[in-house]
Amino acid sequence: MARIAFILLCHKNPDAIVQQAEQLTAAGDYIAIHFDASATTADFHRIKAALADNPNVVFAKRRIKCGWGEWSLVQATLYAIEAAVETFPRASHFYMVSGDCMAIKSAAFAHQFLDGTDCDYIESHDYFQSNWIKTGFREERLIYRHFFNERTQKRLFYKSLAVQQRLGLTRGIPADLQIMIGSQWWCLRRATIEAILVFLAGRRDVVRFFKTTWIPDETFFQTLVRHLVPGQDIRNRTLTFLMFTDYGMPVTFYNDHYDLLVCQDGLFARKISVDAHALRDRLGSLYASDRTDFTRSDAGRNLFGFLTGKGREGRRFAPRLWESKATLGRDRELLIVVCKKWHVAKRLVRAIRENTDVPAVGYLFNEVATGLPDLGGIEKTVEKRSRHRRAVLRMIFDAFGRDRLVICLDPASLDLMRDFFADRSITRLLEIDCTFDNDYLVGHARRLGLVGQDTSAETIAKLLPTIRDDIIHDRDRLRDAGFTNVSLMRQSAGLDENAAALVHFLGVGDDVARTLAQTPHLFVD
């Protein structure tokens, strides 16, 4: 059976560290702790005293001060690994964690999972070919020597870099290494850890190289594992569930995130708030339990984005100068169909194309495949269309050679509606009010990636009220916006009422409006 030696790097919160160590070793696993030397000696002795009687706990033989982006983080990890390898000969796996990490599955499940496949779990993407680094330095991290901390010695860091760049003081990468990059939250087999230690003992040149790279904890183990272990024995992923906000900051989890965390496809999660005492207690009890019946989903990131995005309707960038100055044209008429059930609006739009001479397109600002005419490439992505929305619509008007155009928008796209109603063109809006049963809401959640096929019924039941409230919220915002020239079709209304709404919206005769209102299967899910 798998036995895990956790490698814990920490620097604060002694009580939380003691609790974490006790929880992780309660099921027979081990932990090796490096407590940062920048913390007080009193806190270190307090931790050691509290864990002195636990035979499954060991401390790194040396404590060093660690800094973000420095080699010191890798060195501290190696000190803890060496202590764990020496002290725990029965440990089969070594799992990197921080004080902000906690298990989101039971130890029984974790052991069963690791026993299931003989492999290493570590993110390791090609440093130069992948898009893992989104912004900032890339090759500069490696080819220049970094002696100073970018956060605490910023002036010296950039001055040293500028001098090396000016003098051309670059260096080569060890010729036999393919540099890889990825998350530092890995889980490696004992044989892999021992191979790394043997490799480092004989390759001091590799140690010297990584000592002066920038942010080596994202490249050191990732590179060595790929160098030493056959590719078929590596899973390019982390077993630790973590997320980042739009601003690149780690998401912190609190007491009300328990249900979200335990259904994710991972063994651990970070960052758990130090103040989330109830969450820490529940997750600690979960790890010590015998439970193995977990349903796993990879929808956590989408779900978090959906939930946190609800309070941020003002998040769009301001329109470009040329967008704010542009207009669709005073004599043009934009007809907007607004419906949360996209298939309903698309059926109506298809009927409008078949029964009138008004050009009509689907959700061009919400999905790529909307059958647009060739607009020279600006129409290729939803992002480009939204960024240049008035220019796109002008081009569509020109392509069809008409002064009237029907488009579809999701009710959440209120910023686009406001922009179009502010234009000098004539703008009309048709809201289609549909009913939403639970089956539709579940399907809607799946389409958004909020739940997966394996998501438990309990989790879905808790999510449905939020989704329903979100739909109602978007509807109420639309109705409170104060738009003029608004018509309303309702799934619950009769033919006369819906036909009258279409007469007002499209300016067609009653016969055509009735034909459109009776579109076959219009409201069928």
Protein backbone atom coordinates (compact mmCIF):
# COMPACT_ATOMS: atom_id res chain seq x y z
CA MET A 1 0.00 0.00 0.00
CA ALA A 2 1.16 3.53 -0.78
CA ARG A 3 2.64 5.49 2.10
CA ILE A 4 3.11 9.21 1.52
CA ALA A 5 5.89 11.37 2.91
CA PHE A 6 4.65 14.95 2.73
CA ILE A 7 7.28 17.63 2.11
CA LEU A 8 6.03 20.73 3.91
CA LEU A 9 7.56 24.18 3.48
CA CYS A 10 6.08 26.71 5.89
CA HIS A 11 6.94 29.96 7.63
CA LYS A 12 4.07 31.00 9.91
CA ASN A 13 1.02 29.92 11.92
CA PRO A 14 2.56 27.32 14.29
CA ASP A 15 -0.81 26.05 15.51
CA ALA A 16 -2.03 25.43 11.97
CA ILE A 17 1.21 23.60 11.12
CA VAL A 18 0.86 21.33 14.15
CA GLN A 19 -2.76 20.61 13.22
CA GLN A 20 -1.80 19.92 9.60
CA ALA A 21 1.01 17.53 10.61
CA GLU A 22 -1.22 15.64 13.02
CA GLN A 23 -3.99 15.30 10.46
CA LEU A 24 -1.68 14.10 7.67
CA THR A 25 0.08 11.51 9.83
CA ALA A 26 -3.07 10.18 11.53
CA ALA A 27 -3.57 7.58 8.80
CA GLY A 28 0.00 6.30 8.88
CA ASP A 29 1.60 8.71 6.45
CA TYR A 30 4.70 10.81 7.16
CA ILE A 31 5.72 14.44 7.00
CA ALA A 32 9.06 16.26 6.73
CA ILE A 33 8.91 19.93 7.73
CA HIS A 34 11.12 22.84 6.78
CA PHE A 35 10.17 25.84 8.92
CA ASP A 36 11.61 29.01 7.43
CA ALA A 37 14.58 30.50 9.29
CA SER A 38 13.07 33.95 8.90
CA ALA A 39 10.42 32.92 11.45
CA THR A 40 11.14 33.14 15.15
CA THR A 41 13.07 30.44 16.98
CA ALA A 42 10.32 30.42 19.60
CA ASP A 43 7.72 29.42 16.99
CA PHE A 44 10.02 26.68 15.67
CA HIS A 45 10.58 25.21 19.13
CA ARG A 46 6.85 25.41 19.78
CA ILE A 47 6.15 23.28 16.70
CA LYS A 48 8.89 20.78 17.55
CA ALA A 49 7.66 20.41 21.10
CA ALA A 50 4.05 19.84 20.02
CA LEU A 51 5.10 17.11 17.55
CA ALA A 52 7.96 15.58 19.55
CA ASP A 53 6.06 12.38 20.35
CA ASN A 54 4.92 11.78 16.76
CA PRO A 55 7.31 9.24 15.12
CA ASN A 56 5.95 10.09 11.68
CA VAL A 57 7.26 13.66 11.80
CA VAL A 58 10.80 14.75 10.97
CA PHE A 59 12.33 18.20 10.54
CA ALA A 60 14.85 19.30 7.92
CA LYS A 61 18.33 19.24 9.42
CA ARG A 62 18.99 22.79 8.27
CA ARG A 63 16.70 25.81 8.35
CA ILE A 64 17.32 28.53 5.80
CA LYS A 65 15.63 31.80 4.92
CA CYS A 66 13.51 31.42 1.81
CA GLY A 67 12.56 34.12 -0.67
CA TRP A 68 10.05 34.07 -3.49
CA GLY A 69 11.68 33.33 -6.84
CA GLU A 70 14.95 32.22 -5.24
CA TRP A 71 16.94 28.99 -5.20
CA SER A 72 16.38 28.94 -1.44
CA LEU A 73 12.91 27.44 -1.97
CA VAL A 74 14.41 24.52 -3.90
CA GLN A 75 17.20 24.10 -1.36
CA ALA A 76 14.72 24.01 1.53
CA THR A 77 12.72 21.39 -0.37
CA LEU A 78 15.86 19.28 -0.86
CA TYR A 79 16.71 19.49 2.85
CA ALA A 80 13.23 18.25 3.74
CA ILE A 81 13.41 15.50 1.10
CA GLU A 82 16.76 14.27 2.42
CA ALA A 83 15.36 14.07 5.95
CA ALA A 84 12.29 12.17 4.73
CA VAL A 85 14.26 9.69 2.62
CA GLU A 86 16.59 8.92 5.52
CA THR A 87 13.90 8.72 8.23
CA PHE A 88 11.01 7.05 6.41
CA PRO A 89 12.26 4.05 4.41
CA ARG A 90 8.69 2.78 3.94
CA ALA A 91 7.52 5.96 2.20
CA SER A 92 6.55 5.11 -1.38
CA HIS A 93 5.57 8.62 -2.55
CA PHE A 94 6.73 12.14 -1.74
CA TYR A 95 4.10 14.87 -1.99
CA MET A 96 4.98 18.58 -1.97
CA VAL A 97 2.64 20.75 0.13
CA SER A 98 2.61 24.14 1.82
CA GLY A 99 0.98 25.33 5.01
CA ASP A 100 -1.95 26.51 2.90
CA CYS A 101 -2.63 23.02 1.47
CA MET A 102 -5.13 20.52 2.81
CA ALA A 103 -6.39 17.12 1.67
CA ILE A 104 -9.74 17.08 -0.12
CA LYS A 105 -9.99 13.29 -0.19
CA SER A 106 -9.46 10.62 2.46
CA ALA A 107 -6.10 8.95 3.05
CA ALA A 108 -7.72 5.66 2.04
CA PHE A 109 -8.74 7.15 -1.30
CA ALA A 110 -5.31 8.78 -1.81
CA HIS A 111 -3.50 5.50 -1.15
CA GLN A 112 -5.87 3.62 -3.44
CA PHE A 113 -5.39 6.24 -6.16
CA LEU A 114 -1.58 6.16 -5.99
CA ASP A 115 -1.54 2.36 -5.92
CA GLY A 116 -3.67 2.32 -9.06
CA THR A 117 -0.96 3.65 -11.41
CA ASP A 118 2.81 3.44 -11.01
CA CYS A 119 3.77 6.93 -12.14
CA ASP A 120 4.89 10.42 -11.11
CA TYR A 121 2.48 13.35 -11.04
CA ILE A 122 4.15 16.63 -11.98
CA GLU A 123 3.33 19.45 -14.37
CA SER A 124 6.21 19.68 -16.82
CA HIS A 125 5.72 21.64 -20.04
CA ASP A 126 8.43 22.55 -22.54
CA TYR A 127 9.86 25.83 -21.27
CA PHE A 128 10.19 27.50 -24.67
CA GLN A 129 7.42 25.90 -26.72
CA SER A 130 4.56 25.97 -24.22
CA ASN A 131 2.51 28.97 -23.21
CA TRP A 132 2.89 28.30 -19.49
CA ILE A 133 4.53 31.71 -18.90
CA LYS A 134 1.81 34.20 -19.76
CA THR A 135 3.69 37.48 -19.27
CA GLY A 136 7.12 38.79 -18.31
CA PHE A 137 10.55 37.22 -18.65
CA ARG A 138 11.04 33.95 -20.46
CA GLU A 139 14.58 33.15 -21.62
CA GLU A 140 15.89 35.90 -19.31
CA ARG A 141 15.07 33.65 -16.36
CA LEU A 142 17.69 31.18 -17.56
CA ILE A 143 20.42 32.81 -19.65
CA TYR A 144 21.23 35.55 -17.11
CA ARG A 145 22.40 35.04 -13.53
CA HIS A 146 20.04 36.30 -10.85
CA PHE A 147 21.76 37.04 -7.54
CA PHE A 148 19.13 39.30 -5.96
CA ASN A 149 15.51 38.91 -4.87
CA GLU A 150 13.16 40.62 -7.30
CA ARG A 151 10.67 41.52 -4.57
CA THR A 152 12.90 42.64 -1.71
CA GLN A 153 15.89 43.89 -3.74
CA LYS A 154 14.11 45.16 -6.82
CA ARG A 155 16.60 47.90 -7.71
CA LEU A 156 19.60 45.56 -7.48
CA PHE A 157 17.74 42.79 -9.33
CA TYR A 158 17.01 44.92 -12.38
CA LYS A 159 20.33 46.78 -12.29
CA SER A 160 22.22 43.47 -12.30
CA LEU A 161 20.07 42.22 -15.18
CA ALA A 162 20.62 45.45 -17.16
CA VAL A 163 24.39 45.24 -16.74
CA GLN A 164 24.47 41.64 -17.97
CA GLN A 165 22.28 42.53 -20.94
CA ARG A 166 24.44 45.53 -21.83
CA LEU A 167 27.66 43.51 -21.66
CA GLY A 168 26.18 40.43 -23.31
CA LEU A 169 26.92 38.23 -20.31
CA THR A 170 24.65 35.35 -21.24
CA ARG A 171 25.28 31.71 -20.44
CA GLY A 172 24.30 28.39 -21.94
CA ILE A 173 21.83 25.89 -20.59
CA PRO A 174 23.31 22.48 -19.67
CA ALA A 175 23.43 20.77 -23.06
CA ASP A 176 21.79 17.50 -22.03
CA LEU A 177 18.79 19.10 -20.29
CA GLN A 178 15.47 20.04 -21.84
CA ILE A 179 14.17 22.77 -19.53
CA MET A 180 10.60 22.16 -18.41
CA ILE A 181 8.23 24.31 -16.40
CA GLY A 182 5.12 23.75 -14.29
CA SER A 183 3.50 23.86 -10.88
CA GLN A 184 5.70 23.10 -7.88
CA TRP A 185 2.97 20.96 -6.27
CA TRP A 186 4.11 17.51 -7.36
CA CYS A 187 3.81 13.91 -6.13
CA LEU A 188 6.83 11.72 -7.00
CA ARG A 189 7.63 8.07 -6.38
CA ARG A 190 10.47 7.10 -4.08
CA ALA A 191 12.57 5.76 -6.96
CA THR A 192 12.28 9.13 -8.71
CA ILE A 193 13.26 11.07 -5.59
CA GLU A 194 16.28 8.82 -5.01
CA ALA A 195 17.31 9.16 -8.66
CA ILE A 196 17.20 12.95 -8.33
CA LEU A 197 19.43 12.89 -5.24
CA VAL A 198 21.96 10.62 -6.94
CA PHE A 199 21.91 12.82 -10.06
CA LEU A 200 22.53 15.98 -8.06
CA ALA A 201 25.45 14.39 -6.20
CA GLY A 202 27.22 13.86 -9.51
CA ARG A 203 26.09 16.96 -11.41
CA ARG A 204 27.15 20.02 -9.47
CA ASP A 205 27.06 21.95 -12.76
CA VAL A 206 23.29 21.53 -12.85
CA VAL A 207 22.97 22.77 -9.27
CA ARG A 208 25.17 25.79 -10.07
CA PHE A 209 23.03 26.60 -13.09
CA PHE A 210 19.69 26.47 -11.29
CA LYS A 211 21.02 28.35 -8.26
CA THR A 212 21.07 31.58 -10.26
CA THR A 213 17.98 31.09 -12.39
CA TRP A 214 14.85 33.05 -11.54
CA ILE A 215 11.90 31.16 -9.99
CA PRO A 216 13.66 27.76 -10.09
CA ASP A 217 10.92 26.02 -8.09
CA GLU A 218 8.89 26.09 -11.34
CA THR A 219 11.68 24.49 -13.41
CA PHE A 220 14.09 22.45 -11.25
CA PHE A 221 12.14 19.31 -10.36
CA GLN A 222 10.08 19.60 -13.54
CA THR A 223 13.25 19.43 -15.66
CA LEU A 224 14.99 16.69 -13.68
CA VAL A 225 11.97 14.38 -13.60
CA ARG A 226 11.62 14.60 -17.38
CA HIS A 227 15.38 13.99 -17.71
CA LEU A 228 15.44 10.93 -15.46
CA VAL A 229 12.05 9.26 -15.90
CA PRO A 230 10.56 7.76 -19.09
CA GLY A 231 7.70 9.85 -20.45
CA GLN A 232 5.16 7.04 -20.15
CA ASP A 233 5.73 7.01 -16.39
CA ILE A 234 4.86 10.70 -15.95
CA ARG A 235 1.41 12.26 -15.72
CA ASN A 236 1.63 15.89 -16.75
CA ARG A 237 -0.62 17.25 -14.03
CA THR A 238 -0.69 18.22 -10.39
CA LEU A 239 -2.83 16.40 -7.85
CA THR A 240 -3.33 19.68 -5.98
CA PHE A 241 -6.41 21.70 -6.94
CA LEU A 242 -5.64 25.41 -7.14
CA MET A 243 -7.02 28.38 -9.01
CA PHE A 244 -6.02 31.93 -9.81
CA THR A 245 -8.13 35.08 -10.07
CA ASP A 246 -8.27 37.33 -13.12
CA TYR A 247 -5.46 39.31 -11.51
CA GLY A 248 -3.11 36.33 -11.21
CA MET A 249 -3.54 35.89 -7.46
CA PRO A 250 -4.22 32.49 -5.86
CA VAL A 251 -7.83 31.91 -4.90
CA THR A 252 -8.31 31.42 -1.15
CA PHE A 253 -10.90 28.92 0.08
CA TYR A 254 -13.11 29.45 3.13
CA ASN A 255 -15.59 27.50 5.26
CA ASP A 256 -18.33 27.51 2.62
CA HIS A 257 -16.12 25.92 -0.05
CA TYR A 258 -16.15 22.38 1.39
CA ASP A 259 -18.64 20.93 -1.13
CA LEU A 260 -16.81 22.55 -4.03
CA LEU A 261 -13.43 21.18 -2.96
CA VAL A 262 -14.24 17.56 -2.16
CA CYS A 263 -15.72 16.91 -5.62
CA GLN A 264 -12.67 18.19 -7.51
CA ASP A 265 -10.33 15.87 -9.38
CA GLY A 266 -7.40 16.14 -6.99
CA LEU A 267 -6.11 14.89 -3.66
CA PHE A 268 -5.25 18.27 -2.12
CA ALA A 269 -6.23 21.92 -2.54
CA ARG A 270 -4.61 25.25 -1.84
CA LYS A 271 -4.91 27.95 -0.57
CA ILE A 272 -7.04 27.18 2.49
CA SER A 273 -7.53 30.27 4.65
CA VAL A 274 -5.84 30.03 8.03
CA ASP A 275 -9.04 31.51 9.48
CA ALA A 276 -11.27 28.83 7.91
CA HIS A 277 -11.23 26.73 11.08
CA ALA A 278 -14.41 24.82 10.29
CA LEU A 279 -13.15 23.94 6.80
CA ARG A 280 -9.79 22.80 8.17
CA ASP A 281 -11.48 20.64 10.79
CA ARG A 282 -13.84 19.05 8.24
CA LEU A 283 -11.07 18.35 5.73
CA GLY A 284 -8.86 16.94 8.48
CA SER A 285 -11.60 14.58 9.57
CA LEU A 286 -12.22 13.64 5.95
CA TYR A 287 -8.58 12.63 5.44
CA ALA A 288 -8.69 10.36 8.51
CA SER A 289 -11.95 8.73 7.39
CA ASP A 290 -12.45 5.50 5.43
CA ARG A 291 -14.52 7.18 2.74
CA THR A 292 -13.63 6.27 -0.86
CA ASP A 293 -16.90 6.99 -2.72
CA PHE A 294 -15.90 10.36 -4.16
CA THR A 295 -17.38 11.68 -7.37
CA ARG A 296 -14.73 13.70 -9.17
CA SER A 297 -15.22 16.61 -11.52
CA ASP A 298 -12.94 19.12 -13.19
CA ALA A 299 -15.57 21.86 -13.21
CA GLY A 300 -14.28 23.79 -10.19
CA ARG A 301 -12.55 26.54 -12.14
CA ASN A 302 -15.55 27.16 -14.38
CA LEU A 303 -17.90 27.11 -11.41
CA PHE A 304 -15.74 29.56 -9.47
CA GLY A 305 -15.56 31.90 -12.45
CA PHE A 306 -19.32 31.75 -12.86
CA LEU A 307 -20.03 32.49 -9.21
CA THR A 308 -17.43 35.23 -8.69
CA GLY A 309 -18.29 36.92 -11.96
CA LYS A 310 -21.78 37.76 -10.81
CA GLY A 311 -20.74 40.83 -8.84
CA ARG A 312 -18.54 42.22 -11.58
CA GLU A 313 -20.82 43.39 -14.38
CA GLY A 314 -18.63 46.48 -14.77
CA ARG A 315 -15.54 44.49 -15.64
CA ARG A 316 -15.41 45.20 -19.37
CA PHE A 317 -12.70 47.42 -20.77
CA ALA A 318 -13.80 50.87 -21.91
CA PRO A 319 -14.60 51.11 -25.62
CA ARG A 320 -11.75 52.04 -27.94
CA LEU A 321 -11.63 55.68 -29.05
CA TRP A 322 -12.69 54.72 -32.57
CA GLU A 323 -15.52 52.60 -31.16
CA SER A 324 -16.93 55.41 -29.05
CA LYS A 325 -16.82 57.78 -32.02
CA ALA A 326 -18.30 55.27 -34.49
CA THR A 327 -21.97 54.77 -35.29
CA LEU A 328 -23.97 52.12 -37.08
CA GLY A 329 -25.70 54.80 -39.12
CA ARG A 330 -28.65 57.05 -38.38
CA ASP A 331 -30.87 55.35 -40.98
CA ARG A 332 -30.08 51.78 -39.95
CA GLU A 333 -32.27 49.64 -37.71
CA LEU A 334 -30.77 47.08 -35.32
CA LEU A 335 -33.24 44.48 -34.07
CA ILE A 336 -32.01 42.58 -31.00
CA VAL A 337 -33.56 39.27 -29.91
CA VAL A 338 -32.74 38.60 -26.25
CA CYS A 339 -33.28 35.09 -24.90
CA LYS A 340 -31.53 32.91 -22.36
CA LYS A 341 -32.55 29.75 -24.24
CA TRP A 342 -30.36 30.20 -27.29
CA HIS A 343 -32.07 27.44 -29.28
CA VAL A 344 -35.40 29.28 -29.01
CA ALA A 345 -33.95 32.52 -30.37
CA LYS A 346 -32.13 30.66 -33.15
CA ARG A 347 -35.37 28.97 -34.27
CA LEU A 348 -37.11 32.33 -34.40
CA VAL A 349 -34.20 33.91 -36.30
CA ARG A 350 -34.27 31.09 -38.85
CA ALA A 351 -38.00 31.66 -39.30
CA ILE A 352 -37.43 35.42 -39.75
CA ARG A 353 -34.91 34.69 -42.52
CA GLU A 354 -37.37 32.32 -44.23
CA ASN A 355 -40.46 34.55 -43.97
CA THR A 356 -39.12 38.10 -44.31
CA ASP A 357 -36.43 39.99 -46.22
CA VAL A 358 -34.64 41.02 -43.00
CA PRO A 359 -31.12 39.51 -42.60
CA ALA A 360 -30.74 37.74 -39.27
CA VAL A 361 -27.79 36.16 -37.47
CA GLY A 362 -27.43 34.27 -34.20
CA TYR A 363 -25.44 34.96 -31.04
CA LEU A 364 -22.45 36.51 -32.81
CA PHE A 365 -21.12 38.08 -29.59
CA ASN A 366 -21.52 34.87 -27.59
CA GLU A 367 -20.42 32.01 -29.86
CA VAL A 368 -18.07 31.67 -32.81
CA ALA A 369 -20.24 29.59 -35.15
CA THR A 370 -22.91 32.07 -36.23
CA GLY A 371 -22.71 31.93 -40.03
CA LEU A 372 -21.36 35.44 -40.59
CA PRO A 373 -20.25 36.73 -43.99
CA ASP A 374 -16.51 37.11 -44.60
CA LEU A 375 -15.46 40.28 -42.79
CA GLY A 376 -11.73 40.09 -43.46
CA GLY A 377 -10.80 38.17 -40.30
CA ILE A 378 -12.30 40.50 -37.69
CA GLU A 379 -15.13 38.01 -37.26
CA LYS A 380 -12.90 35.05 -36.39
CA THR A 381 -13.15 35.28 -32.59
CA VAL A 382 -15.83 36.39 -30.16
CA GLU A 383 -13.28 38.61 -28.41
CA LYS A 384 -12.54 40.54 -31.61
CA ARG A 385 -16.22 40.92 -32.42
CA SER A 386 -16.98 42.29 -28.95
CA ARG A 387 -13.99 44.61 -28.95
CA HIS A 388 -14.94 46.09 -32.34
CA ARG A 389 -18.67 45.51 -32.04
CA ARG A 390 -19.91 48.57 -33.90
CA ALA A 391 -17.39 48.11 -36.69
CA VAL A 392 -18.44 44.46 -37.01
CA LEU A 393 -22.13 45.35 -37.23
CA ARG A 394 -21.44 48.08 -39.81
CA MET A 395 -19.59 45.53 -41.93
CA ILE A 396 -22.46 43.03 -41.59
CA PHE A 397 -24.97 45.70 -42.65
CA ASP A 398 -22.77 46.45 -45.66
CA ALA A 399 -22.28 42.77 -46.52
CA PHE A 400 -26.05 42.12 -46.59
CA GLY A 401 -26.76 45.42 -48.38
CA ARG A 402 -29.72 46.13 -46.09
CA ASP A 403 -30.51 48.78 -43.49
CA ARG A 404 -32.19 46.34 -41.12
CA LEU A 405 -30.48 43.52 -39.22
CA VAL A 406 -31.60 41.02 -36.56
CA ILE A 407 -29.05 39.72 -34.05
CA CYS A 408 -29.32 37.62 -30.89
CA LEU A 409 -27.86 38.48 -27.48
CA ASP A 410 -27.77 36.66 -24.17
CA PRO A 411 -29.56 38.55 -21.36
CA ALA A 412 -26.22 38.81 -19.54
CA SER A 413 -24.82 40.98 -22.38
CA LEU A 414 -26.33 44.14 -20.94
CA ASP A 415 -23.22 46.21 -21.67
CA LEU A 416 -23.59 45.47 -25.40
CA MET A 417 -27.28 46.38 -25.33
CA ARG A 418 -26.53 49.69 -23.61
CA ASP A 419 -23.89 50.47 -26.20
CA PHE A 420 -26.22 49.72 -29.12
CA PHE A 421 -29.12 51.68 -27.62
CA ALA A 422 -26.77 54.64 -27.17
CA ASP A 423 -26.02 54.61 -30.90
CA ARG A 424 -27.71 57.00 -33.33
CA SER A 425 -29.22 54.08 -35.20
CA ILE A 426 -32.77 52.86 -34.52
CA THR A 427 -32.57 50.02 -32.00
CA ARG A 428 -35.40 47.69 -31.07
CA LEU A 429 -35.39 44.80 -28.60
CA LEU A 430 -37.50 41.66 -28.37
CA GLU A 431 -37.27 39.82 -25.06
CA ILE A 432 -38.32 36.17 -25.18
CA ASP A 433 -39.33 35.07 -21.69
CA CYS A 434 -39.03 31.29 -21.28
CA THR A 435 -39.76 28.88 -18.45
CA PHE A 436 -36.90 26.92 -16.90
CA ASP A 437 -37.41 23.52 -15.31
CA ASN A 438 -34.68 21.69 -13.38
CA ASP A 439 -33.76 19.46 -16.33
CA TYR A 440 -33.01 22.51 -18.43
CA LEU A 441 -30.98 24.12 -15.64
CA VAL A 442 -28.87 20.97 -15.25
CA GLY A 443 -28.21 20.92 -18.99
CA HIS A 444 -27.38 24.62 -18.88
CA ALA A 445 -24.88 23.99 -16.06
CA ARG A 446 -23.25 21.23 -18.11
CA ARG A 447 -22.96 23.48 -21.17
CA LEU A 448 -21.27 26.13 -19.03
CA GLY A 449 -18.88 23.55 -17.61
CA LEU A 450 -20.16 24.11 -14.08
CA VAL A 451 -20.87 20.42 -13.53
CA GLY A 452 -19.60 17.23 -15.12
CA GLN A 453 -21.08 13.85 -15.80
CA ASP A 454 -19.81 12.60 -12.45
CA THR A 455 -20.99 15.54 -10.36
CA SER A 456 -23.13 14.27 -7.50
CA ALA A 457 -26.87 14.93 -7.38
CA GLU A 458 -26.35 16.63 -4.03
CA THR A 459 -23.90 19.14 -5.50
CA ILE A 460 -26.19 19.80 -8.48
CA ALA A 461 -29.17 20.35 -6.18
CA LYS A 462 -27.21 22.98 -4.26
CA LEU A 463 -26.14 24.71 -7.49
CA LEU A 464 -29.54 24.90 -9.22
CA PRO A 465 -30.98 27.73 -7.06
CA THR A 466 -27.90 29.83 -7.83
CA ILE A 467 -28.29 29.28 -11.58
CA ARG A 468 -32.01 30.05 -11.45
CA ASP A 469 -31.35 33.22 -9.43
CA ASP A 470 -28.71 34.22 -11.97
CA ILE A 471 -31.20 33.91 -14.84
CA ILE A 472 -33.78 35.94 -12.92
CA HIS A 473 -31.13 38.51 -12.03
CA ASP A 474 -30.21 39.01 -15.70
CA ARG A 475 -33.89 39.30 -16.64
CA ASP A 476 -34.55 41.92 -13.96
CA ARG A 477 -31.48 43.94 -14.95
CA LEU A 478 -32.69 43.94 -18.54
CA ARG A 479 -36.15 45.15 -17.57
CA ASP A 480 -34.75 47.80 -15.23
CA ALA A 481 -32.41 49.21 -17.89
CA GLY A 482 -35.08 51.58 -19.23
CA PHE A 483 -34.68 50.71 -22.92
CA THR A 484 -37.25 52.06 -25.37
CA ASN A 485 -38.79 50.14 -28.29
CA VAL A 486 -38.99 46.93 -26.27
CA SER A 487 -41.36 44.05 -27.06
CA LEU A 488 -42.03 40.90 -25.05
CA MET A 489 -42.79 37.35 -26.17
CA ARG A 490 -43.62 34.83 -23.47
CA GLN A 491 -43.61 31.06 -23.58
CA SER A 492 -46.72 31.12 -21.41
CA ALA A 493 -48.58 33.64 -23.61
CA GLY A 494 -51.11 32.97 -26.33
CA LEU A 495 -50.74 33.38 -30.07
CA ASP A 496 -52.39 36.82 -30.22
CA GLU A 497 -50.09 38.32 -27.59
CA ASN A 498 -46.88 36.94 -29.13
CA ALA A 499 -47.92 37.88 -32.67
CA ALA A 500 -48.58 41.46 -31.51
CA ALA A 501 -45.09 41.59 -29.98
CA LEU A 502 -43.57 40.52 -33.30
CA VAL A 503 -45.58 43.10 -35.24
CA HIS A 504 -44.21 45.81 -32.94
CA PHE A 505 -40.67 44.44 -33.09
CA LEU A 506 -40.31 43.67 -36.80
CA GLY A 507 -42.91 45.96 -38.34
CA VAL A 508 -44.41 43.06 -40.29
CA GLY A 509 -48.04 42.31 -41.02
CA ASP A 510 -50.22 40.28 -38.71
CA ASP A 511 -50.15 37.21 -40.98
CA VAL A 512 -46.34 37.05 -41.02
CA ALA A 513 -46.19 37.70 -37.28
CA ARG A 514 -48.58 34.81 -36.62
CA THR A 515 -46.50 32.52 -38.82
CA LEU A 516 -43.38 33.45 -36.85
CA ALA A 517 -45.16 33.05 -33.51
CA GLN A 518 -46.24 29.56 -34.57
CA THR A 519 -42.74 28.45 -35.58
CA PRO A 520 -42.72 24.65 -35.10
CA HIS A 521 -41.18 23.52 -31.81
CA LEU A 522 -40.22 27.12 -30.98
CA PHE A 523 -40.20 26.65 -27.22
CA VAL A 524 -39.40 22.93 -27.11
CA ASP A 525 -36.22 22.06 -25.18
